[in-house]
Amino acid sequence: MLIKLRQSSECTESDVTPESIYLARRTFMGAAAAGMALSSLPAWAQSAAGERYADVEPGKAPDWLAERIAATKWNAVTVKDEAITPFQDATHYNNFYEFGTDKSDPAANAGSLKTEPWSVVIDGEVGKPGRYALEDFLKPYQLEERIYRLRCVEAWSMVIPWIGFPISALLNKVEPTSAAKYIRFETLKDPESMPGQRSNFALIDWPYVEGLRLDEAMHPLAILAVGMYGRELPNQNGAPLRLVVPWKYGFKSIKSIVRISLVSEQPKTTWQSIAAQEYGFYANVNPTVDHPRWSQARERRLPSGLFSPNVRETQMFNGYADEVASLYSNLDLRKNY
């Protein structure tokens, strides 16, 4: 399905990362470094992704996934006139508490995660439950590039080019029953390869759990991602399968998914279980509803620094209000945050 974001969802020129900031990193990398990065990319990436994202580190996708990514439908969705966050920032500044609490911990520690083989369980209120090897799980779907804004609840943001497919395509295949009202996602539980699961951080009861209302999951902007920047997902970004819901805060986009369950009752999600007064089930980006400990009215767009903070106003539903506001027309968003 080809989706074109309407004008009201697009960033204006005043929202665009200043050219001097965006180009500074590329200047720093230098033409020679970019050329080396391009030449070191796998053959499948050099003609498409390699030209699009010259500073991307080479991937290690298995052959079957490399072939699928090479056949991606590029720019199925984009964000007009807004600079894509450099690959280095997107892969070395993120939250994935299974690997540690610091922003740099996922990149430092996620190399231990084994993503082959990988299987996904589909169960609950569906007509076609089962356990699927990742290759079989992806087989029916056309991969698309979706360039989305990503807004963290901690008030920083990025623009990421994801590769994935609409969740609705999966749901249509597995045939939810009439009792299915919500979709529950569960991440891998493996303390051996995930050092954060061996700690007692925030009293998390692993595995990590997230959820959506069924109509939210069916929305064409909600995707399951298997890649970013023209290559497979790096481990620290949720390899090999993660959720991306661009109008919600980033913690909703659960990583390294191993189970997808259709359920009749609203699932109790991880952060909601830990601090319901701070992290609600819906987690829609909303500049008028502050986190109890900080304002959500503004955000810091990466890359940023002491002398270039790159702060901007937060958009309702992260700029996707025209597409998704109707999902919540009868909901009080101050109570259902």
Protein backbone atom coordinates (compact mmCIF):
# COMPACT_ATOMS: atom_id res chain seq x y z
CA MET A 1 0.00 0.00 0.00
CA LEU A 2 1.39 3.40 -0.98
CA ILE A 3 0.66 6.13 1.55
CA LYS A 4 1.29 9.81 0.97
CA LEU A 5 1.34 12.00 4.05
CA ARG A 6 -0.81 15.08 3.62
CA GLN A 7 0.54 18.58 3.86
CA SER A 8 -0.49 19.10 7.48
CA SER A 9 1.68 16.16 8.49
CA GLU A 10 4.76 17.52 6.78
CA CYS A 11 7.42 19.67 8.40
CA THR A 12 7.72 23.26 7.24
CA GLU A 13 11.04 24.83 6.32
CA SER A 14 11.27 26.35 9.80
CA ASP A 15 11.23 22.84 11.25
CA VAL A 16 14.12 21.55 9.20
CA THR A 17 17.41 20.83 10.95
CA PRO A 18 19.74 23.72 10.03
CA GLU A 19 21.84 22.80 7.04
CA SER A 20 25.07 23.66 8.83
CA ILE A 21 24.28 21.16 11.60
CA TYR A 22 23.18 18.41 9.24
CA LEU A 23 26.14 18.83 6.91
CA ALA A 24 28.69 19.14 9.71
CA ARG A 25 28.72 15.43 10.37
CA ARG A 26 28.98 14.57 6.70
CA THR A 27 31.83 17.06 6.32
CA PHE A 28 33.51 15.46 9.31
CA MET A 29 33.11 12.03 7.76
CA GLY A 30 34.67 13.38 4.59
CA ALA A 31 34.27 12.29 1.03
CA ALA A 32 36.89 9.59 1.38
CA ALA A 33 35.16 8.05 4.41
CA ALA A 34 31.84 8.08 2.59
CA GLY A 35 33.42 6.39 -0.37
CA MET A 36 34.91 3.71 1.88
CA ALA A 37 31.52 3.14 3.51
CA LEU A 38 29.86 2.74 0.13
CA SER A 39 32.47 0.32 -1.14
CA SER A 40 32.29 -1.77 2.03
CA LEU A 41 28.52 -2.19 1.87
CA PRO A 42 27.24 -5.57 0.73
CA ALA A 43 26.64 -5.86 -3.02
CA TRP A 44 22.86 -5.87 -2.51
CA ALA A 45 23.05 -2.44 -0.86
CA GLN A 46 25.47 -0.62 -3.14
CA SER A 47 23.01 0.25 -5.91
CA ALA A 48 20.19 1.50 -3.68
CA ALA A 49 20.81 1.94 0.02
CA GLY A 50 24.52 2.52 -0.43
CA GLU A 51 23.90 5.57 -2.56
CA ARG A 52 21.12 6.84 -0.30
CA TYR A 53 22.92 6.45 3.03
CA ALA A 54 26.65 6.66 2.39
CA ASP A 55 27.65 6.76 6.08
CA VAL A 56 25.82 3.54 7.00
CA GLU A 57 27.94 0.77 8.48
CA PRO A 58 27.92 -2.52 6.54
CA GLY A 59 25.27 -4.99 7.62
CA LYS A 60 25.31 -8.70 8.22
CA ALA A 61 21.90 -9.77 6.98
CA PRO A 62 21.44 -13.40 5.97
CA ASP A 63 21.10 -13.87 2.22
CA TRP A 64 17.33 -14.29 2.27
CA LEU A 65 16.85 -11.01 4.19
CA ALA A 66 19.39 -9.16 2.05
CA GLU A 67 17.39 -10.16 -1.02
CA ARG A 68 14.15 -8.96 0.56
CA ILE A 69 15.68 -5.62 1.53
CA ALA A 70 17.10 -5.18 -1.97
CA ALA A 71 13.52 -5.46 -3.28
CA THR A 72 12.21 -2.79 -0.88
CA LYS A 73 9.68 -0.30 -2.22
CA TRP A 74 11.63 2.88 -1.50
CA ASN A 75 9.98 6.02 -0.11
CA ALA A 76 6.54 4.53 0.43
CA VAL A 77 6.20 7.23 3.08
CA THR A 78 8.47 10.19 3.69
CA VAL A 79 8.74 13.39 5.73
CA LYS A 80 9.08 16.35 3.39
CA ASP A 81 12.13 18.61 3.63
CA GLU A 82 13.34 17.21 6.94
CA ALA A 83 16.88 15.89 7.39
CA ILE A 84 17.31 12.22 8.23
CA THR A 85 19.17 11.64 11.49
CA PRO A 86 22.73 10.40 10.83
CA PHE A 87 23.06 6.62 11.14
CA GLN A 88 25.67 6.93 13.89
CA ASP A 89 23.29 8.93 16.11
CA ALA A 90 20.33 6.66 15.43
CA THR A 91 22.30 3.53 16.33
CA HIS A 92 24.39 4.82 19.23
CA TYR A 93 21.89 6.92 21.18
CA ASN A 94 18.87 4.87 22.13
CA ASN A 95 17.00 3.06 24.87
CA PHE A 96 17.00 -0.73 24.99
CA TYR A 97 17.12 -1.53 28.70
CA GLU A 98 17.69 -5.21 28.07
CA PHE A 99 21.28 -4.15 27.30
CA GLY A 100 21.75 -1.41 29.91
CA THR A 101 20.39 1.91 31.09
CA ASP A 102 22.80 4.35 29.41
CA LYS A 103 22.11 5.56 25.87
CA SER A 104 25.38 4.02 24.68
CA ASP A 105 24.83 0.63 26.37
CA PRO A 106 22.72 -0.98 23.61
CA ALA A 107 25.38 -0.36 20.95
CA ALA A 108 28.11 -1.53 23.32
CA ASN A 109 26.36 -4.69 24.56
CA ALA A 110 23.90 -5.86 21.91
CA GLY A 111 26.49 -7.72 19.89
CA SER A 112 25.83 -10.75 22.08
CA LEU A 113 22.24 -11.03 20.81
CA LYS A 114 21.79 -13.99 18.49
CA THR A 115 19.17 -13.19 15.86
CA GLU A 116 19.56 -16.41 13.81
CA PRO A 117 17.54 -18.51 13.96
CA TRP A 118 14.54 -16.41 15.07
CA SER A 119 10.89 -17.33 15.34
CA VAL A 120 7.70 -15.42 16.09
CA VAL A 121 4.68 -16.92 17.84
CA ILE A 122 1.23 -15.72 16.77
CA ASP A 123 -1.47 -16.75 19.22
CA GLY A 124 -4.60 -15.76 21.08
CA GLU A 125 -7.79 -14.71 19.34
CA VAL A 126 -6.73 -15.60 15.79
CA GLY A 127 -7.93 -18.10 13.24
CA LYS A 128 -4.39 -19.02 12.18
CA PRO A 129 -2.10 -19.28 15.20
CA GLY A 130 1.38 -20.72 14.94
CA ARG A 131 5.12 -20.39 15.38
CA TYR A 132 6.84 -19.00 12.32
CA ALA A 133 10.52 -18.87 11.39
CA LEU A 134 11.33 -15.25 10.63
CA GLU A 135 11.91 -16.01 6.94
CA ASP A 136 8.45 -17.59 6.65
CA PHE A 137 6.94 -14.84 8.78
CA LEU A 138 8.12 -12.17 6.31
CA LYS A 139 7.56 -14.12 3.10
CA PRO A 140 4.05 -12.82 2.23
CA TYR A 141 4.84 -9.12 2.58
CA GLN A 142 6.28 -6.41 0.34
CA LEU A 143 8.87 -4.44 2.32
CA GLU A 144 8.60 -0.65 2.14
CA GLU A 145 10.76 2.22 3.27
CA ARG A 146 8.93 4.48 5.73
CA ILE A 147 10.72 7.67 6.78
CA TYR A 148 9.14 8.62 10.10
CA ARG A 149 9.71 11.02 12.94
CA LEU A 150 10.61 9.27 16.20
CA ARG A 151 9.74 11.11 19.42
CA CYS A 152 11.01 9.75 22.75
CA VAL A 153 9.03 10.38 25.93
CA GLU A 154 12.29 11.84 27.29
CA ALA A 155 11.82 14.78 24.86
CA TRP A 156 14.45 13.97 22.24
CA SER A 157 13.64 13.06 18.66
CA MET A 158 15.02 11.73 15.38
CA VAL A 159 13.97 11.08 11.78
CA ILE A 160 14.50 7.42 10.82
CA PRO A 161 14.17 5.61 7.47
CA TRP A 162 12.65 2.25 8.47
CA ILE A 163 12.12 -0.81 6.30
CA GLY A 164 9.08 -2.92 7.11
CA PHE A 165 5.45 -3.68 6.32
CA PRO A 166 2.05 -2.65 7.74
CA ILE A 167 0.85 -4.63 10.76
CA SER A 168 -2.54 -4.72 9.07
CA ALA A 169 -1.11 -7.03 6.40
CA LEU A 170 -0.12 -9.53 9.09
CA LEU A 171 -3.45 -9.27 10.89
CA ASN A 172 -5.36 -9.90 7.69
CA LYS A 173 -3.33 -13.08 7.22
CA VAL A 174 -3.81 -14.50 10.73
CA GLU A 175 -7.53 -13.64 10.87
CA PRO A 176 -8.38 -12.08 14.26
CA THR A 177 -11.59 -13.41 15.76
CA SER A 178 -14.49 -11.18 16.80
CA ALA A 179 -13.19 -11.34 20.38
CA ALA A 180 -9.88 -9.68 19.48
CA LYS A 181 -9.81 -6.07 20.69
CA TYR A 182 -6.10 -5.54 21.42
CA ILE A 183 -2.73 -6.77 20.24
CA ARG A 184 -0.01 -7.66 22.75
CA PHE A 185 3.69 -7.77 21.87
CA GLU A 186 6.43 -9.50 23.83
CA THR A 187 10.18 -9.20 23.44
CA LEU A 188 12.85 -11.84 23.85
CA LYS A 189 13.74 -12.93 27.37
CA ASP A 190 17.37 -14.07 27.38
CA PRO A 191 19.45 -12.90 30.37
CA GLU A 192 22.49 -14.66 28.95
CA SER A 193 22.73 -12.37 25.93
CA MET A 194 20.84 -9.42 27.44
CA PRO A 195 22.82 -8.18 30.46
CA GLY A 196 20.16 -5.65 31.41
CA GLN A 197 17.78 -8.52 32.18
CA ARG A 198 20.21 -9.69 34.85
CA SER A 199 19.90 -6.40 36.72
CA ASN A 200 17.10 -5.10 38.90
CA PHE A 201 16.67 -1.85 36.97
CA ALA A 202 13.30 -0.21 37.67
CA LEU A 203 11.95 -3.55 38.91
CA ILE A 204 11.18 -4.58 35.34
CA ASP A 205 9.45 -7.94 35.17
CA TRP A 206 10.98 -9.32 31.98
CA PRO A 207 10.09 -9.89 29.23
CA TYR A 208 9.18 -6.42 28.03
CA VAL A 209 5.52 -6.16 26.98
CA GLU A 210 3.71 -3.54 24.89
CA GLY A 211 0.29 -3.30 23.31
CA LEU A 212 -2.05 -1.48 20.95
CA ARG A 213 -5.74 -1.29 20.40
CA LEU A 214 -6.66 -3.38 17.38
CA ASP A 215 -7.74 -0.35 15.35
CA GLU A 216 -4.40 1.33 16.12
CA ALA A 217 -2.52 -1.73 14.92
CA MET A 218 -4.64 -1.81 11.76
CA HIS A 219 -3.78 1.79 10.89
CA PRO A 220 -1.61 1.91 7.74
CA LEU A 221 1.11 3.98 9.44
CA ALA A 222 1.79 1.27 12.06
CA ILE A 223 4.47 -1.12 10.84
CA LEU A 224 6.66 -4.02 11.83
CA ALA A 225 10.23 -3.11 10.89
CA VAL A 226 13.08 -5.42 9.89
CA GLY A 227 15.48 -2.77 8.65
CA MET A 228 16.61 0.84 8.72
CA TYR A 229 18.88 3.02 6.56
CA GLY A 230 18.70 0.51 3.74
CA ARG A 231 20.05 -2.42 5.76
CA GLU A 232 18.81 -4.88 8.34
CA LEU A 233 18.11 -3.63 11.86
CA PRO A 234 21.23 -3.43 14.03
CA ASN A 235 20.88 -5.42 17.24
CA GLN A 236 20.72 -2.28 19.38
CA ASN A 237 17.75 -1.00 17.38
CA GLY A 238 15.61 -4.07 17.90
CA ALA A 239 16.82 -6.75 15.50
CA PRO A 240 15.42 -8.68 13.89
CA LEU A 241 11.83 -7.41 14.31
CA ARG A 242 10.43 -4.34 16.03
CA LEU A 243 7.25 -2.31 16.15
CA VAL A 244 7.15 1.27 14.81
CA VAL A 245 4.14 3.47 15.62
CA PRO A 246 5.21 7.01 14.65
CA TRP A 247 2.48 8.99 16.42
CA LYS A 248 3.32 7.46 19.81
CA TYR A 249 6.28 7.90 22.15
CA GLY A 250 9.20 5.66 21.34
CA PHE A 251 8.80 3.25 24.25
CA LYS A 252 5.68 1.86 22.56
CA SER A 253 7.81 0.56 19.67
CA ILE A 254 8.86 -2.70 21.29
CA LYS A 255 12.07 -4.33 20.01
CA SER A 256 13.21 -7.90 19.26
CA ILE A 257 9.66 -9.28 19.14
CA VAL A 258 9.12 -13.01 19.71
CA ARG A 259 5.36 -13.14 20.40
CA ILE A 260 2.32 -11.33 18.98
CA SER A 261 -0.96 -12.14 20.73
CA LEU A 262 -4.48 -11.04 19.86
CA VAL A 263 -6.40 -10.54 23.13
CA SER A 264 -9.81 -9.41 24.29
CA GLU A 265 -8.65 -7.31 27.26
CA GLN A 266 -6.23 -4.36 27.32
CA PRO A 267 -2.80 -5.84 28.08
CA LYS A 268 -0.80 -4.56 31.03
CA THR A 269 2.31 -3.06 29.47
CA THR A 270 5.75 -2.91 31.07
CA TRP A 271 6.06 0.82 31.77
CA GLN A 272 2.41 1.09 32.73
CA SER A 273 2.99 -1.64 35.31
CA ILE A 274 6.03 0.18 36.72
CA ALA A 275 4.69 3.76 36.79
CA ALA A 276 1.13 4.13 35.49
CA GLN A 277 1.02 7.79 36.55
CA GLU A 278 3.91 8.54 34.17
CA TYR A 279 3.51 6.08 31.28
CA GLY A 280 -0.01 5.36 30.12
CA PHE A 281 -1.21 2.69 27.74
CA TYR A 282 -1.82 5.07 24.83
CA ALA A 283 1.42 7.11 24.97
CA ASN A 284 0.34 9.38 22.12
CA VAL A 285 2.74 12.26 21.49
CA ASN A 286 0.92 15.24 22.99
CA PRO A 287 2.58 18.62 23.68
CA THR A 288 -0.33 19.68 25.93
CA VAL A 289 0.04 16.77 28.38
CA ASP A 290 3.31 16.96 30.30
CA HIS A 291 5.18 14.09 31.83
CA PRO A 292 4.93 14.53 35.63
CA ARG A 293 8.64 15.42 35.74
CA TRP A 294 9.14 17.46 32.55
CA SER A 295 7.35 19.35 29.79
CA GLN A 296 6.44 17.67 26.52
CA ALA A 297 5.84 20.95 24.69
CA ARG A 298 9.30 20.98 23.10
CA GLU A 299 11.82 18.39 21.95
CA ARG A 300 15.53 18.16 21.20
CA ARG A 301 16.15 16.91 17.68
CA LEU A 302 19.31 14.87 17.23
CA PRO A 303 22.02 15.61 16.30
CA SER A 304 22.34 18.38 18.87
CA GLY A 305 25.00 19.84 21.13
CA LEU A 306 25.78 22.51 23.68
CA PHE A 307 26.08 25.24 21.07
CA SER A 308 23.49 23.77 18.70
CA PRO A 309 20.69 22.44 20.93
CA ASN A 310 18.32 21.99 17.95
CA VAL A 311 15.17 22.41 20.06
CA ARG A 312 11.77 22.65 18.38
CA GLU A 313 8.07 22.62 19.22
CA THR A 314 6.49 19.19 19.61
CA GLN A 315 3.67 18.46 17.18
CA MET A 316 0.41 16.83 18.20
CA PHE A 317 0.57 13.10 17.43
CA ASN A 318 4.16 13.80 16.36
CA GLY A 319 2.90 15.51 13.21
CA TYR A 320 0.54 12.73 12.14
CA ALA A 321 -2.68 14.24 13.53
CA ASP A 322 -4.49 14.35 10.17
CA GLU A 323 -3.97 10.62 9.79
CA VAL A 324 -4.64 9.33 13.31
CA ALA A 325 -6.65 11.87 15.36
CA SER A 326 -9.92 10.20 14.36
CA LEU A 327 -8.84 7.08 16.29
CA TYR A 328 -9.27 9.07 19.51
CA SER A 329 -12.26 11.31 18.75
CA ASN A 330 -14.21 9.99 21.74
CA LEU A 331 -11.25 9.75 24.11
CA ASP A 332 -10.12 12.26 26.73
CA LEU A 333 -6.40 12.41 25.94
CA ARG A 334 -5.56 14.00 29.30
CA LYS A 335 -6.94 10.99 31.13
CA ASN A 336 -5.99 8.44 28.52
CA TYR A 337 -2.38 9.53 28.10
